[in-house]
C-alpha atoms as a PDB file:
ATOM      1  CA  UNK A   1       0.000   0.000   0.000  1.00  0.00           C
ATOM      2  CA  UNK A   2       1.478   3.439  -0.937  1.00  0.00           C
ATOM      3  CA  UNK A   3       1.344   6.478   1.271  1.00  0.00           C
ATOM      4  CA  UNK A   4      -1.614   8.133  -0.425  1.00  0.00           C
ATOM      5  CA  UNK A   5      -3.692   4.944  -0.039  1.00  0.00           C
ATOM      6  CA  UNK A   6      -2.706   4.719   3.630  1.00  0.00           C
ATOM      7  CA  UNK A   7      -3.521   8.397   4.155  1.00  0.00           C
ATOM      8  CA  UNK A   8      -6.983   7.966   2.626  1.00  0.00           C
ATOM      9  CA  UNK A   9      -7.720   4.936   4.780  1.00  0.00           C
ATOM     10  CA  UNK A  10      -6.551   6.590   7.994  1.00  0.00           C
ATOM     11  CA  UNK A  11      -8.519   9.761   7.230  1.00  0.00           C
ATOM     12  CA  UNK A  12     -11.668   7.757   6.460  1.00  0.00           C
ATOM     13  CA  UNK A  13     -11.393   5.790   9.691  1.00  0.00           C
ATOM     14  CA  UNK A  14     -10.705   9.001  11.623  1.00  0.00           C
ATOM     15  CA  UNK A  15     -13.883  10.485  10.131  1.00  0.00           C
ATOM     16  CA  UNK A  16     -15.704   7.254  11.107  1.00  0.00           C
ATOM     17  CA  UNK A  17     -16.896   6.690   7.563  1.00  0.00           C
ATOM     18  CA  UNK A  18     -17.349   3.358   5.837  1.00  0.00           C
ATOM     19  CA  UNK A  19     -16.027   2.801   2.304  1.00  0.00           C
ATOM     20  CA  UNK A  20     -19.614   3.106   1.094  1.00  0.00           C
ATOM     21  CA  UNK A  21     -20.133   6.390   2.957  1.00  0.00           C
ATOM     22  CA  UNK A  22     -16.918   7.847   1.562  1.00  0.00           C
ATOM     23  CA  UNK A  23     -17.747   6.700  -1.954  1.00  0.00           C
ATOM     24  CA  UNK A  24     -21.165   8.353  -1.766  1.00  0.00           C
ATOM     25  CA  UNK A  25     -19.591  11.540  -0.436  1.00  0.00           C
ATOM     26  CA  UNK A  26     -17.130  11.622  -3.363  1.00  0.00           C
ATOM     27  CA  UNK A  27     -19.492  10.405  -6.066  1.00  0.00           C
ATOM     28  CA  UNK A  28     -17.471   7.215  -6.523  1.00  0.00           C
ATOM     29  CA  UNK A  29     -18.144   3.496  -5.969  1.00  0.00           C
ATOM     30  CA  UNK A  30     -17.405   1.633  -2.747  1.00  0.00           C
ATOM     31  CA  UNK A  31     -15.462  -0.991  -4.706  1.00  0.00           C
ATOM     32  CA  UNK A  32     -13.204   1.743  -6.116  1.00  0.00           C
ATOM     33  CA  UNK A  33     -12.432   3.022  -2.590  1.00  0.00           C
ATOM     34  CA  UNK A  34     -11.696  -0.522  -1.372  1.00  0.00           C
ATOM     35  CA  UNK A  35      -9.312  -1.199  -4.264  1.00  0.00           C
ATOM     36  CA  UNK A  36      -7.469   2.072  -3.657  1.00  0.00           C
ATOM     37  CA  UNK A  37      -7.049   1.445   0.076  1.00  0.00           C
ATOM     38  CA  UNK A  38      -5.869  -2.118  -0.493  1.00  0.00           C
ATOM     39  CA  UNK A  39      -3.307  -0.975  -3.051  1.00  0.00           C
ATOM     40  CA  UNK A  40      -4.892  -2.988  -5.861  1.00  0.00           C
ATOM     41  CA  UNK A  41      -5.651   0.140  -7.903  1.00  0.00           C
ATOM     42  CA  UNK A  42      -3.326   3.091  -8.517  1.00  0.00           C
ATOM     43  CA  UNK A  43      -5.179   6.318  -7.875  1.00  0.00           C
ATOM     44  CA  UNK A  44      -4.678   9.334 -10.133  1.00  0.00           C
ATOM     45  CA  UNK A  45      -3.990  12.820  -8.832  1.00  0.00           C
ATOM     46  CA  UNK A  46      -7.443  14.208  -9.596  1.00  0.00           C
ATOM     47  CA  UNK A  47      -9.288  11.382  -7.810  1.00  0.00           C
ATOM     48  CA  UNK A  48      -6.924  11.557  -4.822  1.00  0.00           C
ATOM     49  CA  UNK A  49      -7.471  15.297  -4.475  1.00  0.00           C
ATOM     50  CA  UNK A  50     -11.248  14.820  -4.634  1.00  0.00           C
ATOM     51  CA  UNK A  51     -11.261  12.122  -1.917  1.00  0.00           C
ATOM     52  CA  UNK A  52      -8.899  14.029   0.400  1.00  0.00           C
ATOM     53  CA  UNK A  53     -10.910  17.187   0.025  1.00  0.00           C
ATOM     54  CA  UNK A  54     -14.066  15.295   1.022  1.00  0.00           C
ATOM     55  CA  UNK A  55     -12.238  14.024   4.101  1.00  0.00           C
ATOM     56  CA  UNK A  56     -10.997  17.492   5.018  1.00  0.00           C
ATOM     57  CA  UNK A  57      -7.359  16.620   4.389  1.00  0.00           C
ATOM     58  CA  UNK A  58      -4.822  18.807   2.638  1.00  0.00           C
ATOM     59  CA  UNK A  59      -4.435  18.036  -1.045  1.00  0.00           C
ATOM     60  CA  UNK A  60      -0.645  18.552  -0.827  1.00  0.00           C
ATOM     61  CA  UNK A  61      -0.404  14.897   0.140  1.00  0.00           C
ATOM     62  CA  UNK A  62      -1.027  14.100  -3.525  1.00  0.00           C
ATOM     63  CA  UNK A  63       2.485  15.257  -4.302  1.00  0.00           C
ATOM     64  CA  UNK A  64       3.881  12.779  -1.773  1.00  0.00           C
ATOM     65  CA  UNK A  65       3.138   9.685  -3.816  1.00  0.00           C
ATOM     66  CA  UNK A  66       5.850   7.082  -3.603  1.00  0.00           C
ATOM     67  CA  UNK A  67       8.743   7.740  -5.973  1.00  0.00           C
ATOM     68  CA  UNK A  68       9.291   4.853  -8.389  1.00  0.00           C
ATOM     69  CA  UNK A  69      12.122   2.667  -7.189  1.00  0.00           C
ATOM     70  CA  UNK A  70      14.177   3.329 -10.300  1.00  0.00           C
ATOM     71  CA  UNK A  71      14.170   7.109  -9.610  1.00  0.00           C
ATOM     72  CA  UNK A  72      14.824   6.773  -5.875  1.00  0.00           C
ATOM     73  CA  UNK A  73      17.960   4.781  -6.617  1.00  0.00           C
ATOM     74  CA  UNK A  74      19.318   7.718  -8.617  1.00  0.00           C
ATOM     75  CA  UNK A  75      18.718  10.109  -5.703  1.00  0.00           C
ATOM     76  CA  UNK A  76      20.311   7.854  -3.109  1.00  0.00           C
ATOM     77  CA  UNK A  77      23.781   7.486  -4.582  1.00  0.00           C
ATOM     78  CA  UNK A  78      25.079   5.646  -1.521  1.00  0.00           C
ATOM     79  CA  UNK A  79      22.494   2.859  -1.997  1.00  0.00           C
ATOM     80  CA  UNK A  80      23.825   0.080  -4.250  1.00  0.00           C
ATOM     81  CA  UNK A  81      21.610  -0.794  -7.161  1.00  0.00           C
ATOM     82  CA  UNK A  82      20.266  -4.300  -6.891  1.00  0.00           C
ATOM     83  CA  UNK A  83      19.304  -6.009 -10.103  1.00  0.00           C
ATOM     84  CA  UNK A  84      15.776  -7.340  -9.965  1.00  0.00           C
ATOM     85  CA  UNK A  85      14.885 -10.637 -11.534  1.00  0.00           C
ATOM     86  CA  UNK A  86      11.420 -11.700 -12.461  1.00  0.00           C
ATOM     87  CA  UNK A  87      10.360 -14.791 -10.593  1.00  0.00           C
ATOM     88  CA  UNK A  88       8.033 -17.151 -12.397  1.00  0.00           C
ATOM     89  CA  UNK A  89       4.947 -17.866 -10.352  1.00  0.00           C
ATOM     90  CA  UNK A  90       2.978 -20.945 -11.445  1.00  0.00           C
ATOM     91  CA  UNK A  91      -0.652 -20.115 -12.113  1.00  0.00           C
ATOM     92  CA  UNK A  92      -3.272 -22.558 -10.946  1.00  0.00           C
ATOM     93  CA  UNK A  93      -6.150 -22.928 -13.445  1.00  0.00           C
ATOM     94  CA  UNK A  94      -9.401 -21.562 -12.074  1.00  0.00           C
ATOM     95  CA  UNK A  95     -12.831 -23.106 -12.457  1.00  0.00           C
ATOM     96  CA  UNK A  96     -13.605 -20.497 -15.132  1.00  0.00           C
ATOM     97  CA  UNK A  97     -10.498 -21.564 -17.060  1.00  0.00           C
ATOM     98  CA  UNK A  98     -11.544 -25.203 -16.870  1.00  0.00           C
ATOM     99  CA  UNK A  99     -15.005 -24.361 -18.199  1.00  0.00           C
ATOM    100  CA  UNK A 100     -13.509 -22.369 -21.067  1.00  0.00           C
ATOM    101  CA  UNK A 101     -10.997 -25.088 -21.964  1.00  0.00           C
ATOM    102  CA  UNK A 102     -13.735 -27.707 -21.864  1.00  0.00           C
ATOM    103  CA  UNK A 103     -15.139 -26.042 -24.994  1.00  0.00           C
ATOM    104  CA  UNK A 104     -11.749 -26.241 -26.728  1.00  0.00           C
ATOM    105  CA  UNK A 105     -10.154 -29.474 -25.490  1.00  0.00           C
ATOM    106  CA  UNK A 106     -12.161 -32.705 -25.318  1.00  0.00           C
ATOM    107  CA  UNK A 107     -11.035 -35.860 -23.533  1.00  0.00           C
ATOM    108  CA  UNK A 108     -12.021 -39.086 -25.272  1.00  0.00           C
ATOM    109  CA  UNK A 109     -11.767 -42.629 -23.896  1.00  0.00           C
ATOM    110  CA  UNK A 110      -9.983 -45.191 -26.069  1.00  0.00           C
ATOM    111  CA  UNK A 111     -11.708 -48.596 -26.057  1.00  0.00           C
ATOM    112  CA  UNK A 112     -10.135 -51.954 -26.737  1.00  0.00           C
ATOM    113  CA  UNK A 113     -11.793 -53.292 -29.875  1.00  0.00           C
ATOM    114  CA  UNK A 114     -12.320 -56.822 -28.569  1.00  0.00           C
ATOM    115  CA  UNK A 115     -13.127 -56.263 -24.881  1.00  0.00           C
ATOM    116  CA  UNK A 116     -14.679 -52.783 -25.183  1.00  0.00           C
ATOM    117  CA  UNK A 117     -12.806 -51.766 -22.017  1.00  0.00           C
ATOM    118  CA  UNK A 118     -11.223 -48.335 -21.701  1.00  0.00           C
ATOM    119  CA  UNK A 119      -7.452 -48.690 -22.119  1.00  0.00           C
ATOM    120  CA  UNK A 120      -6.423 -45.025 -22.376  1.00  0.00           C
ATOM    121  CA  UNK A 121      -7.646 -41.491 -23.007  1.00  0.00           C
ATOM    122  CA  UNK A 122      -6.994 -38.954 -25.734  1.00  0.00           C
ATOM    123  CA  UNK A 123      -7.301 -35.160 -25.599  1.00  0.00           C
ATOM    124  CA  UNK A 124      -7.973 -33.289 -28.834  1.00  0.00           C
ATOM    125  CA  UNK A 125      -8.650 -29.635 -29.734  1.00  0.00           C
ATOM    126  CA  UNK A 126     -12.180 -28.844 -30.915  1.00  0.00           C
ATOM    127  CA  UNK A 127     -12.694 -26.050 -33.444  1.00  0.00           C
ATOM    128  CA  UNK A 128     -16.251 -25.025 -34.306  1.00  0.00           C
ATOM    129  CA  UNK A 129     -17.453 -28.255 -32.661  1.00  0.00           C
ATOM    130  CA  UNK A 130     -15.347 -30.321 -35.072  1.00  0.00           C
ATOM    131  CA  UNK A 131     -12.190 -32.436 -35.018  1.00  0.00           C
ATOM    132  CA  UNK A 132     -10.544 -32.981 -38.402  1.00  0.00           C
ATOM    133  CA  UNK A 133     -13.826 -31.944 -40.047  1.00  0.00           C
ATOM    134  CA  UNK A 134     -16.035 -34.348 -38.061  1.00  0.00           C
ATOM    135  CA  UNK A 135     -18.477 -33.338 -35.320  1.00  0.00           C
ATOM    136  CA  UNK A 136     -16.815 -34.297 -32.023  1.00  0.00           C
ATOM    137  CA  UNK A 137     -20.003 -35.856 -30.602  1.00  0.00           C
ATOM    138  CA  UNK A 138     -19.970 -38.476 -33.379  1.00  0.00           C
ATOM    139  CA  UNK A 139     -16.381 -39.610 -32.770  1.00  0.00           C
ATOM    140  CA  UNK A 140     -15.244 -42.674 -30.799  1.00  0.00           C
ATOM    141  CA  UNK A 141     -11.758 -44.170 -30.516  1.00  0.00           C
ATOM    142  CA  UNK A 142     -10.813 -47.853 -30.554  1.00  0.00           C
ATOM    143  CA  UNK A 143      -7.488 -49.610 -30.122  1.00  0.00           C
ATOM    144  CA  UNK A 144      -7.060 -52.250 -32.839  1.00  0.00           C
ATOM    145  CA  UNK A 145      -6.824 -55.719 -31.274  1.00  0.00           C
ATOM    146  CA  UNK A 146      -5.371 -57.773 -34.168  1.00  0.00           C
ATOM    147  CA  UNK A 147      -3.363 -57.603 -37.403  1.00  0.00           C
ATOM    148  CA  UNK A 148      -6.178 -58.669 -39.732  1.00  0.00           C
ATOM    149  CA  UNK A 149      -6.037 -55.324 -41.562  1.00  0.00           C
ATOM    150  CA  UNK A 150      -2.245 -55.199 -41.827  1.00  0.00           C
ATOM    151  CA  UNK A 151      -2.414 -55.169 -45.650  1.00  0.00           C
ATOM    152  CA  UNK A 152      -4.092 -51.744 -45.345  1.00  0.00           C
ATOM    153  CA  UNK A 153      -1.397 -50.600 -42.874  1.00  0.00           C
ATOM    154  CA  UNK A 154      -3.631 -50.990 -39.838  1.00  0.00           C
ATOM    155  CA  UNK A 155      -1.910 -53.008 -37.124  1.00  0.00           C
ATOM    156  CA  UNK A 156      -2.540 -54.188 -33.584  1.00  0.00           C
ATOM    157  CA  UNK A 157      -2.527 -51.390 -30.954  1.00  0.00           C
ATOM    158  CA  UNK A 158      -3.095 -48.674 -33.561  1.00  0.00           C
ATOM    159  CA  UNK A 159      -5.836 -46.214 -32.536  1.00  0.00           C
ATOM    160  CA  UNK A 160      -8.715 -45.890 -35.001  1.00  0.00           C
ATOM    161  CA  UNK A 161     -10.868 -42.771 -35.031  1.00  0.00           C
ATOM    162  CA  UNK A 162     -14.427 -43.850 -35.838  1.00  0.00           C
ATOM    163  CA  UNK A 163     -17.181 -41.513 -37.012  1.00  0.00           C
ATOM    164  CA  UNK A 164     -20.492 -43.085 -36.032  1.00  0.00           C
ATOM    165  CA  UNK A 165     -22.844 -43.625 -38.985  1.00  0.00           C
ATOM    166  CA  UNK A 166     -25.444 -46.044 -40.339  1.00  0.00           C
ATOM    167  CA  UNK A 167     -24.505 -45.534 -43.984  1.00  0.00           C
ATOM    168  CA  UNK A 168     -22.008 -47.572 -45.994  1.00  0.00           C
ATOM    169  CA  UNK A 169     -19.815 -45.978 -48.646  1.00  0.00           C
ATOM    170  CA  UNK A 170     -18.392 -48.762 -50.773  1.00  0.00           C
ATOM    171  CA  UNK A 171     -14.772 -49.835 -50.279  1.00  0.00           C
ATOM    172  CA  UNK A 172     -14.369 -47.807 -47.082  1.00  0.00           C
ATOM    173  CA  UNK A 173     -13.234 -49.257 -43.750  1.00  0.00           C
ATOM    174  CA  UNK A 174     -15.871 -49.692 -41.039  1.00  0.00           C
ATOM    175  CA  UNK A 175     -16.117 -50.878 -37.467  1.00  0.00           C
ATOM    176  CA  UNK A 176     -19.036 -53.241 -36.968  1.00  0.00           C
ATOM    177  CA  UNK A 177     -20.266 -56.222 -34.971  1.00  0.00           C
ATOM    178  CA  UNK A 178     -21.004 -59.627 -36.425  1.00  0.00           C
ATOM    179  CA  UNK A 179     -21.716 -62.782 -34.449  1.00  0.00           C
ATOM    180  CA  UNK A 180     -21.130 -60.758 -31.248  1.00  0.00           C
ATOM    181  CA  UNK A 181     -17.601 -59.927 -32.379  1.00  0.00           C
ATOM    182  CA  UNK A 182     -16.400 -56.411 -33.075  1.00  0.00           C
ATOM    183  CA  UNK A 183     -14.154 -56.056 -36.139  1.00  0.00           C
ATOM    184  CA  UNK A 184     -12.616 -53.529 -38.512  1.00  0.00           C
ATOM    185  CA  UNK A 185     -13.018 -54.417 -42.197  1.00  0.00           C
ATOM    186  CA  UNK A 186     -13.587 -52.984 -45.657  1.00  0.00           C
ATOM    187  CA  UNK A 187     -17.251 -53.097 -46.680  1.00  0.00           C
ATOM    188  CA  UNK A 188     -19.094 -52.971 -49.973  1.00  0.00           C
ATOM    189  CA  UNK A 189     -22.861 -53.043 -50.386  1.00  0.00           C
ATOM    190  CA  UNK A 190     -24.196 -55.559 -52.887  1.00  0.00           C
ATOM    191  CA  UNK A 191     -27.585 -56.225 -54.438  1.00  0.00           C
ATOM    192  CA  UNK A 192     -30.368 -58.021 -52.525  1.00  0.00           C
ATOM    193  CA  UNK A 193     -29.331 -56.398 -49.237  1.00  0.00           C
ATOM    194  CA  UNK A 194     -26.006 -58.195 -49.153  1.00  0.00           C
ATOM    195  CA  UNK A 195     -22.644 -56.856 -48.005  1.00  0.00           C
ATOM    196  CA  UNK A 196     -19.115 -57.938 -48.865  1.00  0.00           C
ATOM    197  CA  UNK A 197     -16.556 -58.022 -46.035  1.00  0.00           C
ATOM    198  CA  UNK A 198     -12.845 -57.897 -46.914  1.00  0.00           C
ATOM    199  CA  UNK A 199      -9.520 -57.456 -45.099  1.00  0.00           C
ATOM    200  CA  UNK A 200      -7.780 -56.064 -48.159  1.00  0.00           C
ATOM    201  CA  UNK A 201      -5.416 -59.026 -48.528  1.00  0.00           C
ATOM    202  CA  UNK A 202      -4.840 -59.812 -52.191  1.00  0.00           C
ATOM    203  CA  UNK A 203      -5.985 -63.284 -53.163  1.00  0.00           C
ATOM    204  CA  UNK A 204      -8.162 -63.625 -50.078  1.00  0.00           C
ATOM    205  CA  UNK A 205     -11.770 -64.568 -50.766  1.00  0.00           C
ATOM    206  CA  UNK A 206     -14.097 -61.823 -49.451  1.00  0.00           C
ATOM    207  CA  UNK A 207     -16.989 -62.849 -47.223  1.00  0.00           C
ATOM    208  CA  UNK A 208     -20.523 -62.049 -48.318  1.00  0.00           C
ATOM    209  CA  UNK A 209     -23.385 -61.957 -45.828  1.00  0.00           C
ATOM    210  CA  UNK A 210     -26.794 -60.411 -45.279  1.00  0.00           C
ATOM    211  CA  UNK A 211     -26.658 -56.734 -44.411  1.00  0.00           C
ATOM    212  CA  UNK A 212     -28.967 -57.263 -41.435  1.00  0.00           C
ATOM    213  CA  UNK A 213     -26.437 -59.661 -39.855  1.00  0.00           C
ATOM    214  CA  UNK A 214     -23.995 -56.901 -39.093  1.00  0.00           C
ATOM    215  CA  UNK A 215     -24.430 -53.982 -36.691  1.00  0.00           C
ATOM    216  CA  UNK A 216     -22.640 -50.955 -38.077  1.00  0.00           C
ATOM    217  CA  UNK A 217     -20.830 -48.789 -35.506  1.00  0.00           C
ATOM    218  CA  UNK A 218     -19.087 -46.279 -37.710  1.00  0.00           C
ATOM    219  CA  UNK A 219     -16.645 -45.435 -40.453  1.00  0.00           C
ATOM    220  CA  UNK A 220     -12.894 -45.433 -39.794  1.00  0.00           C
ATOM    221  CA  UNK A 221     -11.714 -41.943 -40.770  1.00  0.00           C
ATOM    222  CA  UNK A 222      -8.237 -41.914 -39.254  1.00  0.00           C
ATOM    223  CA  UNK A 223      -5.670 -44.326 -37.770  1.00  0.00           C
ATOM    224  CA  UNK A 224      -2.801 -43.341 -35.494  1.00  0.00           C
ATOM    225  CA  UNK A 225       0.214 -45.407 -34.526  1.00  0.00           C
ATOM    226  CA  UNK A 226       3.240 -44.959 -32.271  1.00  0.00           C
ATOM    227  CA  UNK A 227       6.769 -45.335 -33.563  1.00  0.00           C
END
């Protein structure tokens, strides 16, 4: 607290006025008076003169504001100049920060493809409610549990980003369930409500089944792997 702030506080208490009373007397707000007295706000000369005048104090005190440290060191030649270093103070995120970041960063669970258990989590930035062009609410992540799709460069433990959908675009890779087993395969719709299932391995005979025998989860739109 500088001297002018201390002087204002002492004069107010001497006059037995509350911050609210003083503020009303000066045409200011109580919060402004509180911030000045606590040293949180630097008061300008005009406002200081107005407050002191209302308290019956001499306005000359305005000229007694603390001299900036840099100037005082020049006046006091016998005082050695000490170099100041900025100290980094870690800032703890507030609840407001967390709420704001929740609209930018989303945390997604990563499920094991075979057991459906959560094996990890993934945090991704959301821009205009989308991640890589897909609405974030339609995205799920699965860890690949086998090497059946290795011919298409999808291997065990890779993380597949799945966009949930009920539509099939031919020759795209989908996550679906068949015979109570979850799998990642290339699909192609055929006539008579049939669907061809293929791993992409050349020479391998694709499987054809009724479309209603599979439960589509979503389309694989991205696969990530660790080196």
